[in-house]
Structures are given as structure tokens and as C-alpha cells.
Amino acid sequence: MLVRSGSLLLLATGIGSLAGCADPAKPAPAAFTPSGQSWNLLVDRLEVEVAYVAPKAAPNIDHSLSPTPTQAAELWARRKLVPRGAPAPGTIARFIIRRASIVETPLATPGGLRGMIVDDAAFRYDAILEADLEIRNATGFRDRQISVRQDASRTVKERATFDERKAAWIELTNDLVEQMGRSFDQAIPANFGPVLTY
């Protein structure tokens, strides 16, 4: 964690793996829903900016998901960051999604007898989410900033069905945004005290 000149840089990493095909009896995971307390900010409004432009081509798959990591991160911001009015008019909070990518990497799988018997991991999905939360005054000066980078990954077995892959993608997106949210939940009270109200 690095704090310098009124800004905070927070790096967080979480790596998980889906070790095996999804249980057929297991229900499909629900799309991301923000949890925990909301943050009441002494600002006139919240602006959400998507600075990330999805490549919409392989090896990226994030653009084809529903919701996309970008949409899930935006939902988190709009549910959790609540403008309550600023003592100094014109103060705003800006939530900026810098990156929200998921990349598919094929993995080497054995052939021969082992390939027929063992259902090895065939694809790895690496996700990165980068977002900033800024407080800017009426002149546009950035008074405070928190920057978060979150990483997560999953592997999917060679014989996984499309529904099993889709479940893994939803779990990966949920994990990515949940961990981003926990990072912001820790950093906001520690660094945004003067612009918080309860």
C-alpha cells in the first residue's frame, strides 16, 4: 500500500482455481450482487467512467460475458457509493474503471491413454480489474484518490460443458469484483474520512 501526495495506491491479488468440472447438481452461480455497507460521501454527485475499451477479440472473452466485469464493477460503484451533498458545492466522486479484462489461455493436455482417462485442465482464464475512486473539488483538483488492482484466475477441464464454462466465468467475475470491493471497503474509511458521513 503506497500513500503519496494525498493519493493511495492499493494492490491486491487473489488467485483461485476451479479444480474440476462443475457438479451437475450444483445450481448455476448468480450474477454479482454488491454486499456490505454503503459509503455515504459528502459529494454532490457520483460519476462513473469506463476508461477500458474491450478488445472484443481473442484471447479476450470479457466482452462476451453477461454481466461483463465492467458492468459488475459499475454496479458495485452505483450501489455502494452514495452522494449525500457536499459542504463545498461542486465536489464530486469519480469512479473510473481502468481495466476489466478476462483472457483465455489454452493449456497443454496430454494425449494417448492418459488423455483418454484423465480430464485435465484445458483452459486458464486470467482476469484483471483496475479501478480508481477520486474526490475532486469544484475546480477539478483531485483531493483524494484510491487505486485498486485485483487479479483472479480459474481453470476449466477439457471435458467441461458450455454451461460449466459459463459457471466458471460467472464465478471468476464475481470473485474479481468482490475482492475489489473488499479492497475499497478497507481503504475508504482509512483515507476518505473527511468526505464520509454516517
N, C-alpha and C. Protein backbone atom coordinates (compact mmCIF):
# COMPACT_ATOMS: atom_id res chain seq x y z
N MET A 1 0.86 -1.18 0.00
CA MET A 1 0.00 0.00 0.00
C MET A 1 0.89 1.23 0.00
N LEU A 2 0.68 2.12 -0.92
CA LEU A 2 1.53 3.29 -1.07
C LEU A 2 0.67 4.53 -1.03
N VAL A 3 0.96 5.42 -0.09
CA VAL A 3 0.23 6.67 0.00
C VAL A 3 1.19 7.80 -0.29
N ARG A 4 0.84 8.67 -1.23
CA ARG A 4 1.74 9.76 -1.59
C ARG A 4 0.93 10.93 -2.12
N SER A 5 1.21 12.13 -1.65
CA SER A 5 0.59 13.37 -2.13
C SER A 5 -0.93 13.27 -2.17
N GLY A 6 -1.50 12.79 -1.09
CA GLY A 6 -2.95 12.75 -1.00
C GLY A 6 -3.60 11.65 -1.80
N SER A 7 -2.82 10.71 -2.33
CA SER A 7 -3.42 9.62 -3.10
C SER A 7 -2.96 8.29 -2.53
N LEU A 8 -3.75 7.28 -2.78
CA LEU A 8 -3.46 5.95 -2.26
C LEU A 8 -3.40 4.97 -3.42
N LEU A 9 -2.36 4.15 -3.45
CA LEU A 9 -2.26 3.07 -4.42
C LEU A 9 -2.37 1.77 -3.66
N LEU A 10 -3.37 0.98 -3.98
CA LEU A 10 -3.62 -0.26 -3.26
C LEU A 10 -3.60 -1.40 -4.26
N LEU A 11 -2.71 -2.36 -4.05
CA LEU A 11 -2.62 -3.52 -4.93
C LEU A 11 -3.08 -4.74 -4.16
N ALA A 12 -3.98 -5.50 -4.77
CA ALA A 12 -4.48 -6.71 -4.11
C ALA A 12 -4.52 -7.83 -5.13
N THR A 13 -4.15 -9.02 -4.70
CA THR A 13 -4.12 -10.15 -5.62
C THR A 13 -4.80 -11.34 -4.99
N GLY A 14 -5.63 -11.99 -5.78
CA GLY A 14 -6.26 -13.22 -5.32
C GLY A 14 -6.33 -14.20 -6.48
N ILE A 15 -5.83 -15.38 -6.28
CA ILE A 15 -5.81 -16.37 -7.36
C ILE A 15 -6.54 -17.61 -6.89
N GLY A 16 -7.50 -18.05 -7.67
CA GLY A 16 -8.25 -19.26 -7.33
C GLY A 16 -8.23 -20.20 -8.51
N SER A 17 -8.67 -21.41 -8.30
CA SER A 17 -8.75 -22.36 -9.40
C SER A 17 -10.01 -23.17 -9.25
N LEU A 18 -10.55 -23.51 -10.37
CA LEU A 18 -11.72 -24.37 -10.40
C LEU A 18 -11.21 -25.77 -10.70
N ALA A 19 -11.05 -26.57 -9.69
CA ALA A 19 -10.37 -27.85 -9.84
C ALA A 19 -11.38 -28.94 -10.19
N GLY A 20 -11.75 -28.94 -11.46
CA GLY A 20 -12.65 -29.99 -11.90
C GLY A 20 -13.91 -29.43 -12.51
N CYS A 21 -14.64 -30.25 -13.19
CA CYS A 21 -15.89 -29.82 -13.81
C CYS A 21 -16.91 -29.52 -12.73
N ALA A 22 -17.83 -28.66 -13.07
CA ALA A 22 -18.86 -28.31 -12.11
C ALA A 22 -19.75 -29.51 -11.83
N ASP A 23 -20.20 -29.62 -10.59
CA ASP A 23 -21.12 -30.68 -10.20
C ASP A 23 -22.44 -30.47 -10.94
N PRO A 24 -22.92 -31.46 -11.68
CA PRO A 24 -24.18 -31.29 -12.41
C PRO A 24 -25.35 -30.88 -11.52
N ALA A 25 -25.30 -31.28 -10.22
CA ALA A 25 -26.39 -30.95 -9.31
C ALA A 25 -26.25 -29.54 -8.74
N LYS A 26 -25.09 -28.94 -8.94
CA LYS A 26 -24.84 -27.62 -8.38
C LYS A 26 -25.55 -26.56 -9.22
N PRO A 27 -26.34 -25.68 -8.60
CA PRO A 27 -27.03 -24.65 -9.38
C PRO A 27 -26.04 -23.65 -9.96
N ALA A 28 -26.40 -23.06 -11.08
CA ALA A 28 -25.53 -22.07 -11.71
C ALA A 28 -25.38 -20.89 -10.78
N PRO A 29 -24.17 -20.33 -10.67
CA PRO A 29 -23.96 -19.18 -9.79
C PRO A 29 -24.73 -17.96 -10.28
N ALA A 30 -25.22 -17.18 -9.34
CA ALA A 30 -25.95 -15.95 -9.68
C ALA A 30 -24.97 -14.87 -10.07
N ALA A 31 -25.43 -13.92 -10.86
CA ALA A 31 -24.60 -12.78 -11.24
C ALA A 31 -24.27 -11.96 -9.99
N PHE A 32 -23.22 -11.19 -10.09
CA PHE A 32 -22.70 -10.44 -8.94
C PHE A 32 -23.73 -9.47 -8.36
N THR A 33 -23.80 -9.47 -7.03
CA THR A 33 -24.62 -8.51 -6.30
C THR A 33 -23.77 -7.90 -5.20
N PRO A 34 -23.58 -6.58 -5.18
CA PRO A 34 -22.75 -5.97 -4.14
C PRO A 34 -23.31 -6.25 -2.75
N SER A 35 -22.43 -6.44 -1.78
CA SER A 35 -22.83 -6.70 -0.41
C SER A 35 -22.10 -5.76 0.53
N GLY A 36 -22.51 -5.77 1.80
CA GLY A 36 -21.86 -4.92 2.79
C GLY A 36 -22.44 -3.53 2.81
N GLN A 37 -21.89 -2.70 3.68
CA GLN A 37 -22.41 -1.36 3.88
C GLN A 37 -22.14 -0.47 2.68
N SER A 38 -23.00 0.52 2.51
CA SER A 38 -22.76 1.56 1.51
C SER A 38 -21.91 2.66 2.14
N TRP A 39 -21.26 3.45 1.28
CA TRP A 39 -20.43 4.56 1.75
C TRP A 39 -21.10 5.87 1.37
N ASN A 40 -21.49 6.64 2.39
CA ASN A 40 -22.12 7.94 2.19
C ASN A 40 -21.04 9.00 2.06
N LEU A 41 -20.97 9.59 0.88
CA LEU A 41 -19.90 10.53 0.57
C LEU A 41 -20.43 11.96 0.54
N LEU A 42 -19.66 12.88 1.10
CA LEU A 42 -20.03 14.28 1.09
C LEU A 42 -19.63 14.90 -0.25
N VAL A 43 -20.37 14.49 -1.27
CA VAL A 43 -20.14 14.99 -2.63
C VAL A 43 -21.50 15.29 -3.25
N ASP A 44 -21.50 16.13 -4.28
CA ASP A 44 -22.76 16.49 -4.94
C ASP A 44 -23.26 15.38 -5.86
N ARG A 45 -22.33 14.64 -6.44
CA ARG A 45 -22.76 13.57 -7.35
C ARG A 45 -21.64 12.54 -7.52
N LEU A 46 -22.04 11.39 -8.04
CA LEU A 46 -21.10 10.33 -8.37
C LEU A 46 -21.05 10.22 -9.89
N GLU A 47 -19.84 10.21 -10.43
CA GLU A 47 -19.64 9.97 -11.86
C GLU A 47 -18.92 8.64 -12.03
N VAL A 48 -19.44 7.78 -12.89
CA VAL A 48 -18.80 6.51 -13.20
C VAL A 48 -18.30 6.57 -14.63
N GLU A 49 -17.00 6.39 -14.78
CA GLU A 49 -16.37 6.48 -16.11
C GLU A 49 -15.75 5.13 -16.47
N VAL A 50 -16.04 4.65 -17.66
CA VAL A 50 -15.43 3.42 -18.16
C VAL A 50 -14.32 3.81 -19.14
N ALA A 51 -13.08 3.75 -18.66
CA ALA A 51 -11.94 4.08 -19.50
C ALA A 51 -11.42 2.87 -20.26
N TYR A 52 -11.88 1.68 -19.86
CA TYR A 52 -11.43 0.44 -20.50
C TYR A 52 -12.22 0.19 -21.78
N VAL A 53 -11.50 -0.11 -22.84
CA VAL A 53 -12.13 -0.48 -24.11
C VAL A 53 -11.81 -1.95 -24.38
N ALA A 54 -12.83 -2.79 -24.34
CA ALA A 54 -12.63 -4.23 -24.54
C ALA A 54 -12.15 -4.50 -25.96
N PRO A 55 -11.14 -5.36 -26.13
CA PRO A 55 -10.65 -5.68 -27.48
C PRO A 55 -11.70 -6.36 -28.35
N LYS A 56 -12.63 -7.09 -27.73
CA LYS A 56 -13.68 -7.82 -28.44
C LYS A 56 -13.11 -8.81 -29.46
N ALA A 57 -12.01 -9.42 -29.07
CA ALA A 57 -11.37 -10.42 -29.92
C ALA A 57 -10.51 -11.32 -29.04
N ALA A 58 -10.28 -12.55 -29.51
CA ALA A 58 -9.44 -13.49 -28.77
C ALA A 58 -8.04 -12.89 -28.60
N PRO A 59 -7.40 -13.16 -27.47
CA PRO A 59 -7.77 -14.12 -26.42
C PRO A 59 -8.75 -13.56 -25.37
N ASN A 60 -9.17 -12.31 -25.48
CA ASN A 60 -10.12 -11.75 -24.51
C ASN A 60 -11.51 -12.36 -24.68
N ILE A 61 -12.16 -12.64 -23.54
CA ILE A 61 -13.54 -13.13 -23.59
C ILE A 61 -14.47 -12.24 -22.77
N ASP A 62 -13.92 -11.23 -22.11
CA ASP A 62 -14.73 -10.43 -21.17
C ASP A 62 -15.93 -9.77 -21.84
N HIS A 63 -15.79 -9.39 -23.12
CA HIS A 63 -16.88 -8.72 -23.82
C HIS A 63 -18.08 -9.63 -24.05
N SER A 64 -17.85 -10.95 -24.01
CA SER A 64 -18.93 -11.89 -24.32
C SER A 64 -19.68 -12.38 -23.08
N LEU A 65 -19.26 -11.95 -21.90
CA LEU A 65 -19.89 -12.40 -20.67
C LEU A 65 -21.10 -11.54 -20.33
N SER A 66 -21.98 -12.09 -19.49
CA SER A 66 -23.15 -11.34 -19.04
C SER A 66 -23.40 -11.64 -17.56
N PRO A 67 -23.11 -10.67 -16.66
CA PRO A 67 -22.60 -9.35 -16.98
C PRO A 67 -21.10 -9.39 -17.26
N THR A 68 -20.61 -8.39 -17.94
CA THR A 68 -19.16 -8.27 -18.13
C THR A 68 -18.55 -7.79 -16.82
N PRO A 69 -17.23 -7.99 -16.63
CA PRO A 69 -16.59 -7.44 -15.43
C PRO A 69 -16.78 -5.93 -15.32
N THR A 70 -16.80 -5.23 -16.44
CA THR A 70 -17.04 -3.78 -16.42
C THR A 70 -18.41 -3.47 -15.84
N GLN A 71 -19.42 -4.19 -16.30
CA GLN A 71 -20.78 -3.95 -15.80
C GLN A 71 -20.89 -4.28 -14.32
N ALA A 72 -20.25 -5.36 -13.87
CA ALA A 72 -20.29 -5.73 -12.46
C ALA A 72 -19.59 -4.69 -11.59
N ALA A 73 -18.45 -4.17 -12.06
CA ALA A 73 -17.75 -3.13 -11.30
C ALA A 73 -18.56 -1.84 -11.25
N GLU A 74 -19.21 -1.50 -12.35
CA GLU A 74 -20.06 -0.31 -12.37
C GLU A 74 -21.24 -0.47 -11.40
N LEU A 75 -21.83 -1.66 -11.36
CA LEU A 75 -22.92 -1.92 -10.44
C LEU A 75 -22.45 -1.75 -9.00
N TRP A 76 -21.25 -2.26 -8.70
CA TRP A 76 -20.70 -2.10 -7.35
C TRP A 76 -20.63 -0.62 -6.99
N ALA A 77 -20.09 0.19 -7.89
CA ALA A 77 -19.92 1.62 -7.60
C ALA A 77 -21.26 2.31 -7.37
N ARG A 78 -22.24 2.02 -8.19
CA ARG A 78 -23.53 2.72 -8.10
C ARG A 78 -24.34 2.26 -6.88
N ARG A 79 -24.10 1.03 -6.42
CA ARG A 79 -24.81 0.55 -5.23
C ARG A 79 -24.11 0.97 -3.93
N LYS A 80 -22.78 1.05 -3.96
CA LYS A 80 -22.02 1.23 -2.73
C LYS A 80 -21.60 2.67 -2.45
N LEU A 81 -21.52 3.52 -3.47
CA LEU A 81 -21.04 4.89 -3.29
C LEU A 81 -22.23 5.83 -3.42
N VAL A 82 -22.60 6.47 -2.32
CA VAL A 82 -23.84 7.25 -2.27
C VAL A 82 -23.51 8.73 -2.04
N PRO A 83 -23.81 9.60 -3.01
CA PRO A 83 -23.58 11.04 -2.80
C PRO A 83 -24.63 11.62 -1.86
N ARG A 84 -24.17 12.35 -0.83
CA ARG A 84 -25.08 12.91 0.17
C ARG A 84 -25.05 14.44 0.21
N GLY A 85 -24.39 15.05 -0.77
CA GLY A 85 -24.32 16.51 -0.78
C GLY A 85 -23.01 16.98 -0.17
N ALA A 86 -22.43 18.02 -0.78
CA ALA A 86 -21.12 18.49 -0.36
C ALA A 86 -21.23 19.82 0.37
N PRO A 87 -20.47 19.98 1.48
CA PRO A 87 -20.42 21.29 2.15
C PRO A 87 -19.90 22.38 1.20
N ALA A 88 -18.94 21.99 0.36
CA ALA A 88 -18.41 22.91 -0.66
C ALA A 88 -19.02 22.50 -1.99
N PRO A 89 -19.96 23.29 -2.54
CA PRO A 89 -20.64 22.91 -3.79
C PRO A 89 -19.66 22.57 -4.91
N GLY A 90 -20.04 21.59 -5.70
CA GLY A 90 -19.23 21.23 -6.85
C GLY A 90 -18.29 20.07 -6.60
N THR A 91 -18.20 19.57 -5.37
CA THR A 91 -17.35 18.44 -5.07
C THR A 91 -17.99 17.16 -5.62
N ILE A 92 -17.22 16.34 -6.32
CA ILE A 92 -17.75 15.13 -6.93
C ILE A 92 -16.87 13.93 -6.60
N ALA A 93 -17.47 12.75 -6.68
CA ALA A 93 -16.72 11.50 -6.61
C ALA A 93 -16.70 10.89 -8.00
N ARG A 94 -15.54 10.43 -8.43
CA ARG A 94 -15.41 9.79 -9.74
C ARG A 94 -14.88 8.38 -9.55
N PHE A 95 -15.63 7.40 -10.07
CA PHE A 95 -15.19 6.00 -10.07
C PHE A 95 -14.81 5.67 -11.50
N ILE A 96 -13.54 5.33 -11.71
CA ILE A 96 -13.02 5.12 -13.06
C ILE A 96 -12.57 3.67 -13.22
N ILE A 97 -13.18 2.97 -14.16
CA ILE A 97 -12.79 1.59 -14.46
C ILE A 97 -11.70 1.64 -15.52
N ARG A 98 -10.47 1.36 -15.10
CA ARG A 98 -9.31 1.45 -15.99
C ARG A 98 -9.12 0.19 -16.84
N ARG A 99 -9.44 -0.95 -16.24
CA ARG A 99 -9.26 -2.23 -16.94
C ARG A 99 -10.20 -3.24 -16.33
N ALA A 100 -10.79 -4.08 -17.14
CA ALA A 100 -11.70 -5.13 -16.67
C ALA A 100 -11.67 -6.28 -17.68
N SER A 101 -10.54 -6.95 -17.75
CA SER A 101 -10.31 -7.93 -18.81
C SER A 101 -10.29 -9.36 -18.28
N ILE A 102 -10.72 -10.28 -19.13
CA ILE A 102 -10.54 -11.71 -18.88
C ILE A 102 -9.97 -12.32 -20.15
N VAL A 103 -8.83 -12.99 -20.00
CA VAL A 103 -8.11 -13.56 -21.14
C VAL A 103 -8.09 -15.08 -21.02
N GLU A 104 -8.38 -15.75 -22.13
CA GLU A 104 -8.37 -17.21 -22.17
C GLU A 104 -7.03 -17.71 -22.72
N THR A 105 -6.42 -18.66 -21.99
CA THR A 105 -5.17 -19.27 -22.42
C THR A 105 -5.35 -20.78 -22.51
N PRO A 106 -5.21 -21.37 -23.71
CA PRO A 106 -5.28 -22.83 -23.82
C PRO A 106 -4.08 -23.46 -23.11
N LEU A 107 -4.31 -24.56 -22.42
CA LEU A 107 -3.25 -25.27 -21.72
C LEU A 107 -2.94 -26.57 -22.45
N ALA A 108 -1.70 -26.99 -22.36
CA ALA A 108 -1.30 -28.26 -22.98
C ALA A 108 -1.97 -29.42 -22.26
N THR A 109 -2.57 -30.32 -23.01
CA THR A 109 -3.20 -31.51 -22.43
C THR A 109 -2.53 -32.76 -22.99
N PRO A 110 -2.41 -33.79 -22.17
CA PRO A 110 -1.72 -34.99 -22.62
C PRO A 110 -2.56 -35.78 -23.62
N GLY A 111 -1.89 -36.46 -24.50
CA GLY A 111 -2.59 -37.33 -25.44
C GLY A 111 -2.48 -38.77 -24.96
N GLY A 112 -2.72 -39.69 -25.86
CA GLY A 112 -2.57 -41.10 -25.56
C GLY A 112 -3.56 -41.59 -24.52
N LEU A 113 -3.14 -42.62 -23.80
CA LEU A 113 -4.01 -43.27 -22.82
C LEU A 113 -4.37 -42.31 -21.69
N ARG A 114 -3.39 -41.51 -21.20
CA ARG A 114 -3.68 -40.57 -20.12
C ARG A 114 -4.73 -39.56 -20.56
N GLY A 115 -4.63 -39.11 -21.80
CA GLY A 115 -5.59 -38.14 -22.30
C GLY A 115 -6.99 -38.71 -22.37
N MET A 116 -7.09 -40.03 -22.57
CA MET A 116 -8.42 -40.66 -22.62
C MET A 116 -9.01 -40.86 -21.23
N ILE A 117 -8.12 -41.02 -20.24
CA ILE A 117 -8.58 -41.36 -18.89
C ILE A 117 -8.73 -40.11 -18.01
N VAL A 118 -7.75 -39.24 -18.07
CA VAL A 118 -7.70 -38.11 -17.15
C VAL A 118 -8.27 -36.86 -17.81
N ASP A 119 -9.15 -36.20 -17.10
CA ASP A 119 -9.75 -34.95 -17.59
C ASP A 119 -8.96 -33.78 -17.01
N ASP A 120 -7.90 -33.38 -17.71
CA ASP A 120 -7.01 -32.33 -17.22
C ASP A 120 -7.56 -30.94 -17.52
N ALA A 121 -6.99 -29.96 -16.83
CA ALA A 121 -7.33 -28.56 -17.11
C ALA A 121 -6.90 -28.22 -18.53
N ALA A 122 -7.81 -27.63 -19.30
CA ALA A 122 -7.52 -27.33 -20.71
C ALA A 122 -7.47 -25.83 -20.99
N PHE A 123 -8.10 -25.02 -20.12
CA PHE A 123 -8.10 -23.58 -20.34
C PHE A 123 -7.89 -22.87 -19.01
N ARG A 124 -7.13 -21.78 -19.06
CA ARG A 124 -6.98 -20.91 -17.89
C ARG A 124 -7.55 -19.54 -18.25
N TYR A 125 -8.28 -18.97 -17.33
CA TYR A 125 -8.87 -17.64 -17.53
C TYR A 125 -8.28 -16.68 -16.50
N ASP A 126 -7.56 -15.69 -16.99
CA ASP A 126 -6.91 -14.71 -16.13
C ASP A 126 -7.65 -13.39 -16.22
N ALA A 127 -8.05 -12.88 -15.06
CA ALA A 127 -8.84 -11.65 -15.00
C ALA A 127 -8.07 -10.55 -14.28
N ILE A 128 -8.20 -9.34 -14.78
CA ILE A 128 -7.59 -8.17 -14.14
C ILE A 128 -8.63 -7.07 -14.08
N LEU A 129 -8.76 -6.47 -12.90
CA LEU A 129 -9.67 -5.34 -12.71
C LEU A 129 -8.90 -4.21 -12.04
N GLU A 130 -8.86 -3.06 -12.69
CA GLU A 130 -8.20 -1.88 -12.15
C GLU A 130 -9.22 -0.75 -12.09
N ALA A 131 -9.31 -0.10 -10.93
CA ALA A 131 -10.29 0.99 -10.78
C ALA A 131 -9.75 2.04 -9.82
N ASP A 132 -10.14 3.28 -10.06
CA ASP A 132 -9.79 4.41 -9.21
C ASP A 132 -11.05 5.02 -8.63
N LEU A 133 -10.95 5.52 -7.42
CA LEU A 133 -12.00 6.33 -6.81
C LEU A 133 -11.37 7.66 -6.43
N GLU A 134 -11.90 8.75 -6.98
CA GLU A 134 -11.34 10.08 -6.76
C GLU A 134 -12.38 11.01 -6.14
N ILE A 135 -11.90 11.95 -5.37
CA ILE A 135 -12.72 13.08 -4.91
C ILE A 135 -12.12 14.34 -5.53
N ARG A 136 -12.95 15.07 -6.28
CA ARG A 136 -12.48 16.30 -6.93
C ARG A 136 -13.34 17.48 -6.47
N ASN A 137 -12.67 18.61 -6.26
CA ASN A 137 -13.40 19.80 -5.83
C ASN A 137 -13.97 20.55 -7.03
N ALA A 138 -14.60 21.69 -6.77
CA ALA A 138 -15.30 22.42 -7.83
C ALA A 138 -14.37 22.89 -8.94
N THR A 139 -13.09 23.05 -8.64
CA THR A 139 -12.13 23.49 -9.67
C THR A 139 -11.55 22.32 -10.45
N GLY A 140 -11.93 21.10 -10.06
CA GLY A 140 -11.40 19.92 -10.74
C GLY A 140 -10.16 19.35 -10.10
N PHE A 141 -9.68 19.97 -9.02
CA PHE A 141 -8.48 19.46 -8.35
C PHE A 141 -8.80 18.15 -7.63
N ARG A 142 -7.93 17.18 -7.77
CA ARG A 142 -8.13 15.88 -7.13
C ARG A 142 -7.61 15.93 -5.70
N ASP A 143 -8.55 15.92 -4.74
CA ASP A 143 -8.18 16.00 -3.33
C ASP A 143 -7.72 14.65 -2.79
N ARG A 144 -8.41 13.58 -3.22
CA ARG A 144 -8.13 12.26 -2.69
C ARG A 144 -8.30 11.22 -3.79
N GLN A 145 -7.52 10.14 -3.67
CA GLN A 145 -7.63 9.07 -4.67
C GLN A 145 -7.28 7.73 -4.06
N ILE A 146 -8.03 6.70 -4.43
CA ILE A 146 -7.71 5.32 -4.12
C ILE A 146 -7.64 4.56 -5.44
N SER A 147 -6.58 3.82 -5.64
CA SER A 147 -6.43 2.99 -6.85
C SER A 147 -6.32 1.54 -6.44
N VAL A 148 -7.11 0.68 -7.07
CA VAL A 148 -7.12 -0.74 -6.74
C VAL A 148 -6.84 -1.56 -8.00
N ARG A 149 -6.00 -2.56 -7.86
CA ARG A 149 -5.80 -3.55 -8.92
C ARG A 149 -6.07 -4.92 -8.31
N GLN A 150 -6.92 -5.68 -8.97
CA GLN A 150 -7.29 -7.00 -8.49
C GLN A 150 -7.07 -8.03 -9.58
N ASP A 151 -6.46 -9.16 -9.23
CA ASP A 151 -6.24 -10.26 -10.16
C ASP A 151 -6.94 -11.51 -9.65
N ALA A 152 -7.45 -12.31 -10.55
CA ALA A 152 -8.05 -13.59 -10.19
C ALA A 152 -7.95 -14.52 -11.39
N SER A 153 -8.03 -15.82 -11.16
CA SER A 153 -7.96 -16.77 -12.28
C SER A 153 -8.76 -18.03 -11.97
N ARG A 154 -9.10 -18.73 -13.02
CA ARG A 154 -9.78 -20.03 -12.93
C ARG A 154 -9.23 -20.93 -14.03
N THR A 155 -9.27 -22.24 -13.78
CA THR A 155 -9.00 -23.21 -14.84
C THR A 155 -10.25 -24.03 -15.06
N VAL A 156 -10.41 -24.51 -16.29
CA VAL A 156 -11.58 -25.31 -16.66
C VAL A 156 -11.09 -26.59 -17.33
N LYS A 157 -11.73 -27.70 -16.98
CA LYS A 157 -11.32 -29.00 -17.50
C LYS A 157 -11.65 -29.16 -18.98
N GLU A 158 -10.94 -30.08 -19.61
CA GLU A 158 -11.05 -30.31 -21.05
C GLU A 158 -12.47 -30.73 -21.45
N ARG A 159 -13.12 -31.53 -20.63
CA ARG A 159 -14.44 -32.05 -20.98
C ARG A 159 -15.58 -31.22 -20.40
N ALA A 160 -15.26 -30.04 -19.91
CA ALA A 160 -16.31 -29.18 -19.34
C ALA A 160 -17.32 -28.80 -20.41
N THR A 161 -18.59 -28.82 -20.04
CA THR A 161 -19.64 -28.38 -20.96
C THR A 161 -19.64 -26.86 -21.05
N PHE A 162 -20.41 -26.34 -21.99
CA PHE A 162 -20.51 -24.88 -22.10
C PHE A 162 -21.09 -24.28 -20.83
N ASP A 163 -22.11 -24.95 -20.26
CA ASP A 163 -22.71 -24.44 -19.02
C ASP A 163 -21.71 -24.43 -17.88
N GLU A 164 -20.84 -25.42 -17.82
CA GLU A 164 -19.81 -25.47 -16.79
C GLU A 164 -18.78 -24.36 -16.99
N ARG A 165 -18.44 -24.10 -18.25
CA ARG A 165 -17.52 -22.98 -18.51
C ARG A 165 -18.18 -21.65 -18.13
N LYS A 166 -19.45 -21.51 -18.49
CA LYS A 166 -20.16 -20.28 -18.18
C LYS A 166 -20.22 -20.07 -16.66
N ALA A 167 -20.45 -21.14 -15.91
CA ALA A 167 -20.46 -21.03 -14.45
C ALA A 167 -19.10 -20.58 -13.92
N ALA A 168 -18.03 -21.11 -14.51
CA ALA A 168 -16.68 -20.71 -14.09
C ALA A 168 -16.44 -19.24 -14.39
N TRP A 169 -16.92 -18.75 -15.54
CA TRP A 169 -16.74 -17.34 -15.89
C TRP A 169 -17.50 -16.43 -14.93
N ILE A 170 -18.73 -16.84 -14.56
CA ILE A 170 -19.51 -16.03 -13.62
C ILE A 170 -18.83 -16.01 -12.25
N GLU A 171 -18.35 -17.17 -11.80
CA GLU A 171 -17.65 -17.23 -10.51
C GLU A 171 -16.40 -16.36 -10.54
N LEU A 172 -15.68 -16.39 -11.65
CA LEU A 172 -14.47 -15.58 -11.78
C LEU A 172 -14.80 -14.09 -11.72
N THR A 173 -15.83 -13.67 -12.45
CA THR A 173 -16.24 -12.27 -12.42
C THR A 173 -16.68 -11.85 -11.02
N ASN A 174 -17.49 -12.70 -10.38
CA ASN A 174 -17.94 -12.40 -9.02
C ASN A 174 -16.77 -12.27 -8.06
N ASP A 175 -15.83 -13.21 -8.15
CA ASP A 175 -14.66 -13.19 -7.27
C ASP A 175 -13.84 -11.92 -7.49
N LEU A 176 -13.65 -11.57 -8.74
CA LEU A 176 -12.86 -10.40 -9.09
C LEU A 176 -13.44 -9.13 -8.47
N VAL A 177 -14.75 -8.93 -8.66
CA VAL A 177 -15.39 -7.70 -8.19
C VAL A 177 -15.57 -7.72 -6.67
N GLU A 178 -15.85 -8.88 -6.10
CA GLU A 178 -15.97 -8.98 -4.65
C GLU A 178 -14.65 -8.60 -3.97
N GLN A 179 -13.54 -9.09 -4.50
CA GLN A 179 -12.25 -8.77 -3.91
C GLN A 179 -11.91 -7.30 -4.12
N MET A 180 -12.26 -6.75 -5.28
CA MET A 180 -12.08 -5.31 -5.49
C MET A 180 -12.88 -4.54 -4.44
N GLY A 181 -14.14 -4.96 -4.21
CA GLY A 181 -14.98 -4.29 -3.25
C GLY A 181 -14.40 -4.33 -1.85
N ARG A 182 -13.85 -5.49 -1.45
CA ARG A 182 -13.24 -5.59 -0.12
C ARG A 182 -12.04 -4.65 0.00
N SER A 183 -11.29 -4.51 -1.08
CA SER A 183 -10.14 -3.60 -1.05
C SER A 183 -10.60 -2.16 -0.86
N PHE A 184 -11.63 -1.76 -1.60
CA PHE A 184 -12.17 -0.41 -1.42
C PHE A 184 -12.78 -0.24 -0.03
N ASP A 185 -13.48 -1.26 0.47
CA ASP A 185 -14.11 -1.17 1.78
C ASP A 185 -13.06 -0.95 2.88
N GLN A 186 -11.88 -1.50 2.71
CA GLN A 186 -10.81 -1.29 3.68
C GLN A 186 -10.18 0.09 3.52
N ALA A 187 -10.03 0.53 2.27
CA ALA A 187 -9.30 1.77 2.01
C ALA A 187 -10.13 3.03 2.23
N ILE A 188 -11.43 2.96 1.96
CA ILE A 188 -12.26 4.18 2.03
C ILE A 188 -12.27 4.79 3.43
N PRO A 189 -12.59 4.04 4.50
CA PRO A 189 -12.60 4.70 5.81
C PRO A 189 -11.23 5.16 6.26
N ALA A 190 -10.18 4.50 5.80
CA ALA A 190 -8.83 4.87 6.21
C ALA A 190 -8.33 6.13 5.51
N ASN A 191 -8.89 6.44 4.33
CA ASN A 191 -8.33 7.52 3.52
C ASN A 191 -9.34 8.60 3.12
N PHE A 192 -10.63 8.31 3.27
CA PHE A 192 -11.65 9.27 2.87
C PHE A 192 -12.42 9.85 4.05
N GLY A 193 -11.84 9.76 5.26
CA GLY A 193 -12.53 10.19 6.46
C GLY A 193 -13.24 11.55 6.35
N PRO A 194 -12.56 12.61 5.88
CA PRO A 194 -13.18 13.93 5.82
C PRO A 194 -14.37 14.04 4.86
N VAL A 195 -14.52 13.09 3.93
CA VAL A 195 -15.64 13.17 3.00
C VAL A 195 -16.68 12.06 3.24
N LEU A 196 -16.60 11.41 4.41
CA LEU A 196 -17.56 10.38 4.78
C LEU A 196 -18.56 10.92 5.78
N THR A 197 -19.80 10.49 5.68
CA THR A 197 -20.81 10.79 6.68
C THR A 197 -21.57 9.52 7.00
N TYR A 198 -22.05 9.40 8.22
CA TYR A 198 -22.71 8.15 8.65
C TYR A 198 -24.14 8.43 9.09
